[in-house]
Full PDB file with SEQRES, HELIX, SHEET, SSBOND, CRYST1, ORIGX, SCALE, CONECT and MASTER records, all heavy atoms in Angstrom:
SEQRES   1 A   36  GLU LEU ASN GLY THR ALA ILE VAL GLN ARG LEU ALA ALA          
SEQRES   2 A   36  GLN ILE ASP ALA GLY ASN LEU ALA GLY THR LEU LEU LEU          
SEQRES   3 A   36  VAL PRO VAL ALA ASN ILE PHE GLY PHE LEU                      
HELIX    1 AA1 ASN A    3  GLN A   14  1                                  12    
HELIX    2 AA2 ALA A   17  ASN A   19  5                                   3    
HELIX    3 AA3 ILE A   32  PHE A   35  1                                   4    
CRYST1    1.000    1.000    1.000  90.00  90.00  90.00 P 1           1          
ORIGX1      1.000000  0.000000  0.000000        0.00000                         
ORIGX2      0.000000  1.000000  0.000000        0.00000                         
ORIGX3      0.000000  0.000000  1.000000        0.00000                         
SCALE1      1.000000  0.000000  0.000000        0.00000                         
SCALE2      0.000000  1.000000  0.000000        0.00000                         
SCALE3      0.000000  0.000000  1.000000        0.00000                         
ATOM      1  N   GLU A   1      -4.716  -3.189  13.188  1.00  0.00           N  
ATOM      2  CA  GLU A   1      -4.216  -4.343  12.443  1.00  0.00           C  
ATOM      3  C   GLU A   1      -3.163  -3.853  11.447  1.00  0.00           C  
ATOM      4  O   GLU A   1      -3.482  -3.392  10.353  1.00  0.00           O  
ATOM      5  CB  GLU A   1      -5.379  -5.068  11.765  1.00  0.00           C  
ATOM      6  CG  GLU A   1      -6.386  -5.591  12.796  1.00  0.00           C  
ATOM      7  CD  GLU A   1      -7.553  -6.355  12.192  1.00  0.00           C  
ATOM      8  OE1 GLU A   1      -7.589  -6.506  10.945  1.00  0.00           O  
ATOM      9  OE2 GLU A   1      -8.430  -6.801  12.952  1.00  0.00           O  
ATOM     10  N   LEU A   2      -1.907  -3.947  11.836  1.00  0.00           N  
ATOM     11  CA  LEU A   2      -0.841  -3.181  11.196  1.00  0.00           C  
ATOM     12  C   LEU A   2      -0.055  -3.925  10.120  1.00  0.00           C  
ATOM     13  O   LEU A   2       0.667  -3.289   9.350  1.00  0.00           O  
ATOM     14  CB  LEU A   2       0.142  -2.684  12.267  1.00  0.00           C  
ATOM     15  CG  LEU A   2      -0.490  -1.885  13.424  1.00  0.00           C  
ATOM     16  CD1 LEU A   2       0.588  -1.443  14.397  1.00  0.00           C  
ATOM     17  CD2 LEU A   2      -1.276  -0.696  12.899  1.00  0.00           C  
ATOM     18  N   ASN A   3      -0.141  -5.241  10.054  1.00  0.00           N  
ATOM     19  CA  ASN A   3       0.652  -5.956   9.060  1.00  0.00           C  
ATOM     20  C   ASN A   3       0.313  -5.529   7.633  1.00  0.00           C  
ATOM     21  O   ASN A   3       1.185  -5.485   6.763  1.00  0.00           O  
ATOM     22  CB  ASN A   3       0.462  -7.469   9.205  1.00  0.00           C  
ATOM     23  CG  ASN A   3       1.315  -8.052  10.313  1.00  0.00           C  
ATOM     24  OD1 ASN A   3       2.379  -7.537  10.637  1.00  0.00           O  
ATOM     25  ND2 ASN A   3       0.841  -9.130  10.915  1.00  0.00           N  
ATOM     26  N   GLY A   4      -0.951  -5.215   7.381  1.00  0.00           N  
ATOM     27  CA  GLY A   4      -1.344  -4.757   6.049  1.00  0.00           C  
ATOM     28  C   GLY A   4      -0.651  -3.468   5.662  1.00  0.00           C  
ATOM     29  O   GLY A   4      -0.278  -3.275   4.494  1.00  0.00           O  
ATOM     30  N   THR A   5      -0.464  -2.580   6.634  1.00  0.00           N  
ATOM     31  CA  THR A   5       0.246  -1.327   6.374  1.00  0.00           C  
ATOM     32  C   THR A   5       1.681  -1.606   5.946  1.00  0.00           C  
ATOM     33  O   THR A   5       2.194  -1.016   4.989  1.00  0.00           O  
ATOM     34  CB  THR A   5       0.224  -0.439   7.620  1.00  0.00           C  
ATOM     35  OG1 THR A   5      -1.130  -0.210   8.025  1.00  0.00           O  
ATOM     36  CG2 THR A   5       0.905   0.898   7.356  1.00  0.00           C  
ATOM     37  N   ALA A   6       2.348  -2.521   6.657  1.00  0.00           N  
ATOM     38  CA  ALA A   6       3.727  -2.872   6.317  1.00  0.00           C  
ATOM     39  C   ALA A   6       3.807  -3.531   4.941  1.00  0.00           C  
ATOM     40  O   ALA A   6       4.742  -3.271   4.168  1.00  0.00           O  
ATOM     41  CB  ALA A   6       4.305  -3.797   7.378  1.00  0.00           C  
ATOM     42  N   ILE A   7       2.838  -4.370   4.627  1.00  0.00           N  
ATOM     43  CA  ILE A   7       2.822  -5.033   3.312  1.00  0.00           C  
ATOM     44  C   ILE A   7       2.656  -3.998   2.202  1.00  0.00           C  
ATOM     45  O   ILE A   7       3.367  -4.030   1.189  1.00  0.00           O  
ATOM     46  CB  ILE A   7       1.699  -6.089   3.266  1.00  0.00           C  
ATOM     47  CG1 ILE A   7       2.068  -7.277   4.176  1.00  0.00           C  
ATOM     48  CG2 ILE A   7       1.449  -6.572   1.838  1.00  0.00           C  
ATOM     49  CD1 ILE A   7       0.924  -8.239   4.421  1.00  0.00           C  
ATOM     50  N   VAL A   8       1.747  -3.062   2.391  1.00  0.00           N  
ATOM     51  CA  VAL A   8       1.535  -2.007   1.386  1.00  0.00           C  
ATOM     52  C   VAL A   8       2.797  -1.165   1.227  1.00  0.00           C  
ATOM     53  O   VAL A   8       3.185  -0.793   0.107  1.00  0.00           O  
ATOM     54  CB  VAL A   8       0.321  -1.134   1.769  1.00  0.00           C  
ATOM     55  CG1 VAL A   8       0.281   0.135   0.917  1.00  0.00           C  
ATOM     56  CG2 VAL A   8      -0.970  -1.911   1.596  1.00  0.00           C  
ATOM     57  N   GLN A   9       3.470  -0.837   2.322  1.00  0.00           N  
ATOM     58  CA  GLN A   9       4.709  -0.054   2.237  1.00  0.00           C  
ATOM     59  C   GLN A   9       5.753  -0.755   1.379  1.00  0.00           C  
ATOM     60  O   GLN A   9       6.431  -0.124   0.557  1.00  0.00           O  
ATOM     61  CB  GLN A   9       5.264   0.192   3.640  1.00  0.00           C  
ATOM     62  CG  GLN A   9       4.460   1.180   4.469  1.00  0.00           C  
ATOM     63  CD  GLN A   9       5.037   1.340   5.857  1.00  0.00           C  
ATOM     64  OE1 GLN A   9       5.743   0.468   6.369  1.00  0.00           O  
ATOM     65  NE2 GLN A   9       4.730   2.467   6.496  1.00  0.00           N  
ATOM     66  N   ARG A  10       5.894  -2.042   1.548  1.00  0.00           N  
ATOM     67  CA  ARG A  10       6.893  -2.784   0.780  1.00  0.00           C  
ATOM     68  C   ARG A  10       6.505  -2.909  -0.691  1.00  0.00           C  
ATOM     69  O   ARG A  10       7.370  -2.831  -1.574  1.00  0.00           O  
ATOM     70  CB  ARG A  10       7.121  -4.154   1.430  1.00  0.00           C  
ATOM     71  CG  ARG A  10       8.016  -4.019   2.651  1.00  0.00           C  
ATOM     72  CD  ARG A  10       7.740  -5.080   3.699  1.00  0.00           C  
ATOM     73  NE  ARG A  10       8.576  -4.836   4.879  1.00  0.00           N  
ATOM     74  CZ  ARG A  10       8.339  -3.901   5.795  1.00  0.00           C  
ATOM     75  NH1 ARG A  10       7.295  -3.093   5.684  1.00  0.00           N  
ATOM     76  NH2 ARG A  10       9.146  -3.749   6.836  1.00  0.00           N  
ATOM     77  N   LEU A  11       5.233  -3.079  -0.942  1.00  0.00           N  
ATOM     78  CA  LEU A  11       4.776  -3.107  -2.332  1.00  0.00           C  
ATOM     79  C   LEU A  11       5.031  -1.761  -3.006  1.00  0.00           C  
ATOM     80  O   LEU A  11       5.444  -1.698  -4.165  1.00  0.00           O  
ATOM     81  CB  LEU A  11       3.287  -3.450  -2.390  1.00  0.00           C  
ATOM     82  CG  LEU A  11       2.911  -4.871  -1.973  1.00  0.00           C  
ATOM     83  CD1 LEU A  11       1.399  -4.989  -1.824  1.00  0.00           C  
ATOM     84  CD2 LEU A  11       3.425  -5.897  -2.972  1.00  0.00           C  
ATOM     85  N   ALA A  12       4.794  -0.678  -2.266  1.00  0.00           N  
ATOM     86  CA  ALA A  12       5.024   0.658  -2.820  1.00  0.00           C  
ATOM     87  C   ALA A  12       6.482   0.861  -3.195  1.00  0.00           C  
ATOM     88  O   ALA A  12       6.797   1.555  -4.175  1.00  0.00           O  
ATOM     89  CB  ALA A  12       4.584   1.719  -1.810  1.00  0.00           C  
ATOM     90  N   ALA A  13       7.382   0.249  -2.429  1.00  0.00           N  
ATOM     91  CA  ALA A  13       8.813   0.403  -2.699  1.00  0.00           C  
ATOM     92  C   ALA A  13       9.295  -0.512  -3.820  1.00  0.00           C  
ATOM     93  O   ALA A  13      10.313  -0.223  -4.461  1.00  0.00           O  
ATOM     94  CB  ALA A  13       9.609   0.112  -1.425  1.00  0.00           C  
ATOM     95  N   GLN A  14       8.582  -1.588  -4.091  1.00  0.00           N  
ATOM     96  CA  GLN A  14       9.074  -2.608  -5.010  1.00  0.00           C  
ATOM     97  C   GLN A  14       8.430  -2.586  -6.396  1.00  0.00           C  
ATOM     98  O   GLN A  14       8.973  -3.180  -7.329  1.00  0.00           O  
ATOM     99  CB  GLN A  14       8.865  -4.001  -4.393  1.00  0.00           C  
ATOM    100  CG  GLN A  14       9.686  -4.232  -3.137  1.00  0.00           C  
ATOM    101  CD  GLN A  14       9.398  -5.576  -2.486  1.00  0.00           C  
ATOM    102  OE1 GLN A  14       8.853  -6.486  -3.105  1.00  0.00           O  
ATOM    103  NE2 GLN A  14       9.764  -5.709  -1.215  1.00  0.00           N  
ATOM    104  N   ILE A  15       7.286  -1.945  -6.548  1.00  0.00           N  
ATOM    105  CA  ILE A  15       6.578  -1.967  -7.833  1.00  0.00           C  
ATOM    106  C   ILE A  15       6.722  -0.617  -8.515  1.00  0.00           C  
ATOM    107  O   ILE A  15       6.469   0.437  -7.919  1.00  0.00           O  
ATOM    108  CB  ILE A  15       5.098  -2.331  -7.640  1.00  0.00           C  
ATOM    109  CG1 ILE A  15       4.986  -3.739  -7.044  1.00  0.00           C  
ATOM    110  CG2 ILE A  15       4.338  -2.266  -8.968  1.00  0.00           C  
ATOM    111  CD1 ILE A  15       3.580  -4.184  -6.732  1.00  0.00           C  
ATOM    112  N   ASP A  16       7.098  -0.653  -9.782  1.00  0.00           N  
ATOM    113  CA  ASP A  16       7.339   0.549 -10.578  1.00  0.00           C  
ATOM    114  C   ASP A  16       6.209   0.704 -11.590  1.00  0.00           C  
ATOM    115  O   ASP A  16       5.920  -0.223 -12.356  1.00  0.00           O  
ATOM    116  CB  ASP A  16       8.684   0.404 -11.292  1.00  0.00           C  
ATOM    117  CG  ASP A  16       9.046   1.607 -12.147  1.00  0.00           C  
ATOM    118  OD1 ASP A  16       8.267   2.585 -12.159  1.00  0.00           O  
ATOM    119  OD2 ASP A  16      10.096   1.555 -12.811  1.00  0.00           O  
ATOM    120  N   ALA A  17       5.568   1.857 -11.581  1.00  0.00           N  
ATOM    121  CA  ALA A  17       4.460   2.096 -12.512  1.00  0.00           C  
ATOM    122  C   ALA A  17       4.903   1.952 -13.960  1.00  0.00           C  
ATOM    123  O   ALA A  17       4.112   1.549 -14.826  1.00  0.00           O  
ATOM    124  CB  ALA A  17       3.868   3.485 -12.277  1.00  0.00           C  
ATOM    125  N   GLY A  18       6.164   2.255 -14.254  1.00  0.00           N  
ATOM    126  CA  GLY A  18       6.655   2.155 -15.622  1.00  0.00           C  
ATOM    127  C   GLY A  18       6.711   0.737 -16.141  1.00  0.00           C  
ATOM    128  O   GLY A  18       6.717   0.506 -17.356  1.00  0.00           O  
ATOM    129  N   ASN A  19       6.745  -0.241 -15.214  1.00  0.00           N  
ATOM    130  CA  ASN A  19       6.782  -1.650 -15.603  1.00  0.00           C  
ATOM    131  C   ASN A  19       5.478  -2.373 -15.301  1.00  0.00           C  
ATOM    132  O   ASN A  19       5.423  -3.603 -15.325  1.00  0.00           O  
ATOM    133  CB  ASN A  19       7.926  -2.360 -14.864  1.00  0.00           C  
ATOM    134  CG  ASN A  19       9.278  -1.786 -15.222  1.00  0.00           C  
ATOM    135  OD1 ASN A  19       9.520  -1.437 -16.377  1.00  0.00           O  
ATOM    136  ND2 ASN A  19      10.169  -1.671 -14.243  1.00  0.00           N  
ATOM    137  N   LEU A  20       4.441  -1.608 -15.037  1.00  0.00           N  
ATOM    138  CA  LEU A  20       3.157  -2.172 -14.620  1.00  0.00           C  
ATOM    139  C   LEU A  20       2.146  -2.142 -15.756  1.00  0.00           C  
ATOM    140  O   LEU A  20       2.089  -1.180 -16.519  1.00  0.00           O  
ATOM    141  CB  LEU A  20       2.627  -1.369 -13.424  1.00  0.00           C  
ATOM    142  CG  LEU A  20       1.281  -1.766 -12.823  1.00  0.00           C  
ATOM    143  CD1 LEU A  20       1.402  -3.101 -12.078  1.00  0.00           C  
ATOM    144  CD2 LEU A  20       0.789  -0.673 -11.858  1.00  0.00           C  
ATOM    145  N   ALA A  21       1.351  -3.206 -15.862  1.00  0.00           N  
ATOM    146  CA  ALA A  21       0.186  -3.213 -16.752  1.00  0.00           C  
ATOM    147  C   ALA A  21      -1.063  -3.085 -15.880  1.00  0.00           C  
ATOM    148  O   ALA A  21      -1.276  -3.889 -14.973  1.00  0.00           O  
ATOM    149  CB  ALA A  21       0.135  -4.498 -17.571  1.00  0.00           C  
ATOM    150  N   GLY A  22      -1.861  -2.072 -16.127  1.00  0.00           N  
ATOM    151  CA  GLY A  22      -3.025  -1.830 -15.290  1.00  0.00           C  
ATOM    152  C   GLY A  22      -2.755  -0.778 -14.241  1.00  0.00           C  
ATOM    153  O   GLY A  22      -1.764  -0.037 -14.306  1.00  0.00           O  
ATOM    154  N   THR A  23      -3.618  -0.733 -13.254  1.00  0.00           N  
ATOM    155  CA  THR A  23      -3.530   0.297 -12.224  1.00  0.00           C  
ATOM    156  C   THR A  23      -3.607  -0.358 -10.855  1.00  0.00           C  
ATOM    157  O   THR A  23      -4.459  -1.214 -10.613  1.00  0.00           O  
ATOM    158  CB  THR A  23      -4.677   1.318 -12.371  1.00  0.00           C  
ATOM    159  OG1 THR A  23      -4.652   1.855 -13.694  1.00  0.00           O  
ATOM    160  CG2 THR A  23      -4.530   2.444 -11.366  1.00  0.00           C  
ATOM    161  N   LEU A  24      -2.717   0.066  -9.964  1.00  0.00           N  
ATOM    162  CA  LEU A  24      -2.660  -0.464  -8.610  1.00  0.00           C  
ATOM    163  C   LEU A  24      -2.949   0.666  -7.634  1.00  0.00           C  
ATOM    164  O   LEU A  24      -2.302   1.715  -7.670  1.00  0.00           O  
ATOM    165  CB  LEU A  24      -1.276  -1.054  -8.353  1.00  0.00           C  
ATOM    166  CG  LEU A  24      -1.076  -1.879  -7.083  1.00  0.00           C  
ATOM    167  CD1 LEU A  24      -2.007  -3.083  -7.053  1.00  0.00           C  
ATOM    168  CD2 LEU A  24       0.383  -2.324  -6.968  1.00  0.00           C  
ATOM    169  N   LEU A  25      -3.944   0.452  -6.770  1.00  0.00           N  
ATOM    170  CA  LEU A  25      -4.317   1.421  -5.745  1.00  0.00           C  
ATOM    171  C   LEU A  25      -3.864   0.867  -4.397  1.00  0.00           C  
ATOM    172  O   LEU A  25      -4.377  -0.161  -3.937  1.00  0.00           O  
ATOM    173  CB  LEU A  25      -5.826   1.655  -5.743  1.00  0.00           C  
ATOM    174  CG  LEU A  25      -6.455   2.050  -7.082  1.00  0.00           C  
ATOM    175  CD1 LEU A  25      -7.970   2.179  -6.938  1.00  0.00           C  
ATOM    176  CD2 LEU A  25      -5.855   3.359  -7.588  1.00  0.00           C  
ATOM    177  N   LEU A  26      -2.913   1.531  -3.769  1.00  0.00           N  
ATOM    178  CA  LEU A  26      -2.359   1.081  -2.496  1.00  0.00           C  
ATOM    179  C   LEU A  26      -2.891   1.961  -1.368  1.00  0.00           C  
ATOM    180  O   LEU A  26      -2.635   3.161  -1.329  1.00  0.00           O  
ATOM    181  CB  LEU A  26      -0.834   1.146  -2.529  1.00  0.00           C  
ATOM    182  CG  LEU A  26      -0.136   0.285  -3.591  1.00  0.00           C  
ATOM    183  CD1 LEU A  26       1.377   0.515  -3.543  1.00  0.00           C  
ATOM    184  CD2 LEU A  26      -0.455  -1.193  -3.392  1.00  0.00           C  
ATOM    185  N   VAL A  27      -3.643   1.347  -0.462  1.00  0.00           N  
ATOM    186  CA  VAL A  27      -4.226   2.063   0.674  1.00  0.00           C  
ATOM    187  C   VAL A  27      -3.586   1.515   1.947  1.00  0.00           C  
ATOM    188  O   VAL A  27      -3.978   0.456   2.443  1.00  0.00           O  
ATOM    189  CB  VAL A  27      -5.751   1.883   0.728  1.00  0.00           C  
ATOM    190  CG1 VAL A  27      -6.341   2.681   1.894  1.00  0.00           C  
ATOM    191  CG2 VAL A  27      -6.393   2.307  -0.588  1.00  0.00           C  
ATOM    192  N   PRO A  28      -2.585   2.206   2.494  1.00  0.00           N  
ATOM    193  CA  PRO A  28      -1.884   1.662   3.666  1.00  0.00           C  
ATOM    194  C   PRO A  28      -2.740   1.617   4.923  1.00  0.00           C  
ATOM    195  O   PRO A  28      -2.596   0.709   5.751  1.00  0.00           O  
ATOM    196  CB  PRO A  28      -0.693   2.602   3.840  1.00  0.00           C  
ATOM    197  CG  PRO A  28      -1.122   3.876   3.199  1.00  0.00           C  
ATOM    198  CD  PRO A  28      -2.019   3.491   2.061  1.00  0.00           C  
ATOM    199  N   VAL A  29      -3.638   2.601   5.077  1.00  0.00           N  
ATOM    200  CA  VAL A  29      -4.474   2.683   6.276  1.00  0.00           C  
ATOM    201  C   VAL A  29      -5.876   3.123   5.859  1.00  0.00           C  
ATOM    202  O   VAL A  29      -6.089   4.282   5.507  1.00  0.00           O  
ATOM    203  CB  VAL A  29      -3.899   3.687   7.304  1.00  0.00           C  
ATOM    204  CG1 VAL A  29      -4.819   3.781   8.524  1.00  0.00           C  
ATOM    205  CG2 VAL A  29      -2.495   3.291   7.726  1.00  0.00           C  
ATOM    206  N   ALA A  30      -6.815   2.190   5.902  1.00  0.00           N  
ATOM    207  CA  ALA A  30      -8.192   2.530   5.542  1.00  0.00           C  
ATOM    208  C   ALA A  30      -8.899   3.254   6.685  1.00  0.00           C  
ATOM    209  O   ALA A  30      -9.712   4.144   6.460  1.00  0.00           O  
ATOM    210  CB  ALA A  30      -8.967   1.268   5.157  1.00  0.00           C  
ATOM    211  N   ASN A  31      -8.592   2.878   7.921  1.00  0.00           N  
ATOM    212  CA  ASN A  31      -9.212   3.487   9.101  1.00  0.00           C  
ATOM    213  C   ASN A  31      -8.169   4.323   9.828  1.00  0.00           C  
ATOM    214  O   ASN A  31      -7.559   3.882  10.797  1.00  0.00           O  
ATOM    215  CB  ASN A  31      -9.785   2.394  10.005  1.00  0.00           C  
ATOM    216  CG  ASN A  31     -10.366   2.929  11.302  1.00  0.00           C  
ATOM    217  OD1 ASN A  31     -10.419   4.138  11.537  1.00  0.00           O  
ATOM    218  ND2 ASN A  31     -10.806   2.023  12.159  1.00  0.00           N  
ATOM    219  N   ILE A  32      -7.944   5.541   9.345  1.00  0.00           N  
ATOM    220  CA  ILE A  32      -6.907   6.396   9.920  1.00  0.00           C  
ATOM    221  C   ILE A  32      -7.237   6.790  11.357  1.00  0.00           C  
ATOM    222  O   ILE A  32      -6.342   6.984  12.184  1.00  0.00           O  
ATOM    223  CB  ILE A  32      -6.682   7.658   9.042  1.00  0.00           C  
ATOM    224  CG1 ILE A  32      -5.456   8.441   9.520  1.00  0.00           C  
ATOM    225  CG2 ILE A  32      -7.925   8.521   9.012  1.00  0.00           C  
ATOM    226  CD1 ILE A  32      -4.163   7.689   9.420  1.00  0.00           C  
ATOM    227  N   PHE A  33      -8.521   6.857  11.692  1.00  0.00           N  
ATOM    228  CA  PHE A  33      -8.931   7.267  13.039  1.00  0.00           C  
ATOM    229  C   PHE A  33      -8.546   6.186  14.058  1.00  0.00           C  
ATOM    230  O   PHE A  33      -7.965   6.465  15.107  1.00  0.00           O  
ATOM    231  CB  PHE A  33     -10.435   7.532  13.074  1.00  0.00           C  
ATOM    232  CG  PHE A  33     -10.879   8.559  12.077  1.00  0.00           C  
ATOM    233  CD1 PHE A  33     -11.395   8.170  10.848  1.00  0.00           C  
ATOM    234  CD2 PHE A  33     -10.761   9.910  12.350  1.00  0.00           C  
ATOM    235  CE1 PHE A  33     -11.794   9.109   9.916  1.00  0.00           C  
ATOM    236  CE2 PHE A  33     -11.148  10.868  11.431  1.00  0.00           C  
ATOM    237  CZ  PHE A  33     -11.670  10.458  10.199  1.00  0.00           C  
ATOM    238  N   GLY A  34      -8.860   4.932  13.755  1.00  0.00           N  
ATOM    239  CA  GLY A  34      -8.453   3.842  14.634  1.00  0.00           C  
ATOM    240  C   GLY A  34      -6.952   3.655  14.653  1.00  0.00           C  
ATOM    241  O   GLY A  34      -6.365   3.316  15.691  1.00  0.00           O  
ATOM    242  N   PHE A  35      -6.304   3.884  13.526  1.00  0.00           N  
ATOM    243  CA  PHE A  35      -4.852   3.765  13.423  1.00  0.00           C  
ATOM    244  C   PHE A  35      -4.159   4.720  14.395  1.00  0.00           C  
ATOM    245  O   PHE A  35      -3.219   4.343  15.101  1.00  0.00           O  
ATOM    246  CB  PHE A  35      -4.440   4.064  11.981  1.00  0.00           C  
ATOM    247  CG  PHE A  35      -2.978   3.972  11.682  1.00  0.00           C  
ATOM    248  CD1 PHE A  35      -2.370   2.745  11.449  1.00  0.00           C  
ATOM    249  CD2 PHE A  35      -2.192   5.118  11.615  1.00  0.00           C  
ATOM    250  CE1 PHE A  35      -1.015   2.654  11.156  1.00  0.00           C  
ATOM    251  CE2 PHE A  35      -0.840   5.044  11.323  1.00  0.00           C  
ATOM    252  CZ  PHE A  35      -0.243   3.805  11.095  1.00  0.00           C  
ATOM    253  N   LEU A  36      -4.630   5.959  14.457  1.00  0.00           N  
ATOM    254  CA  LEU A  36      -4.005   6.968  15.318  1.00  0.00           C  
ATOM    255  C   LEU A  36      -4.236   6.677  16.796  1.00  0.00           C  
ATOM    256  O   LEU A  36      -3.416   7.045  17.644  1.00  0.00           O  
ATOM    257  CB  LEU A  36      -4.538   8.360  14.968  1.00  0.00           C  
ATOM    258  CG  LEU A  36      -4.134   8.894  13.587  1.00  0.00           C  
ATOM    259  CD1 LEU A  36      -4.842  10.208  13.302  1.00  0.00           C  
ATOM    260  CD2 LEU A  36      -2.621   9.067  13.500  1.00  0.00           C  
TER     261      LEU A  36                                                      
MASTER        0    0    0    3    0    0    0    6  260    1    0    3          
END                                                                             
């Protein structure tokens, strides 16, 4: 299920920690074994 990976990639490119309040944990692939 790959759309979540693409969404996380775009969020990673668009959000800057310097302008963020709080902490964001981005997990592009939770099941790396099935992904491969």
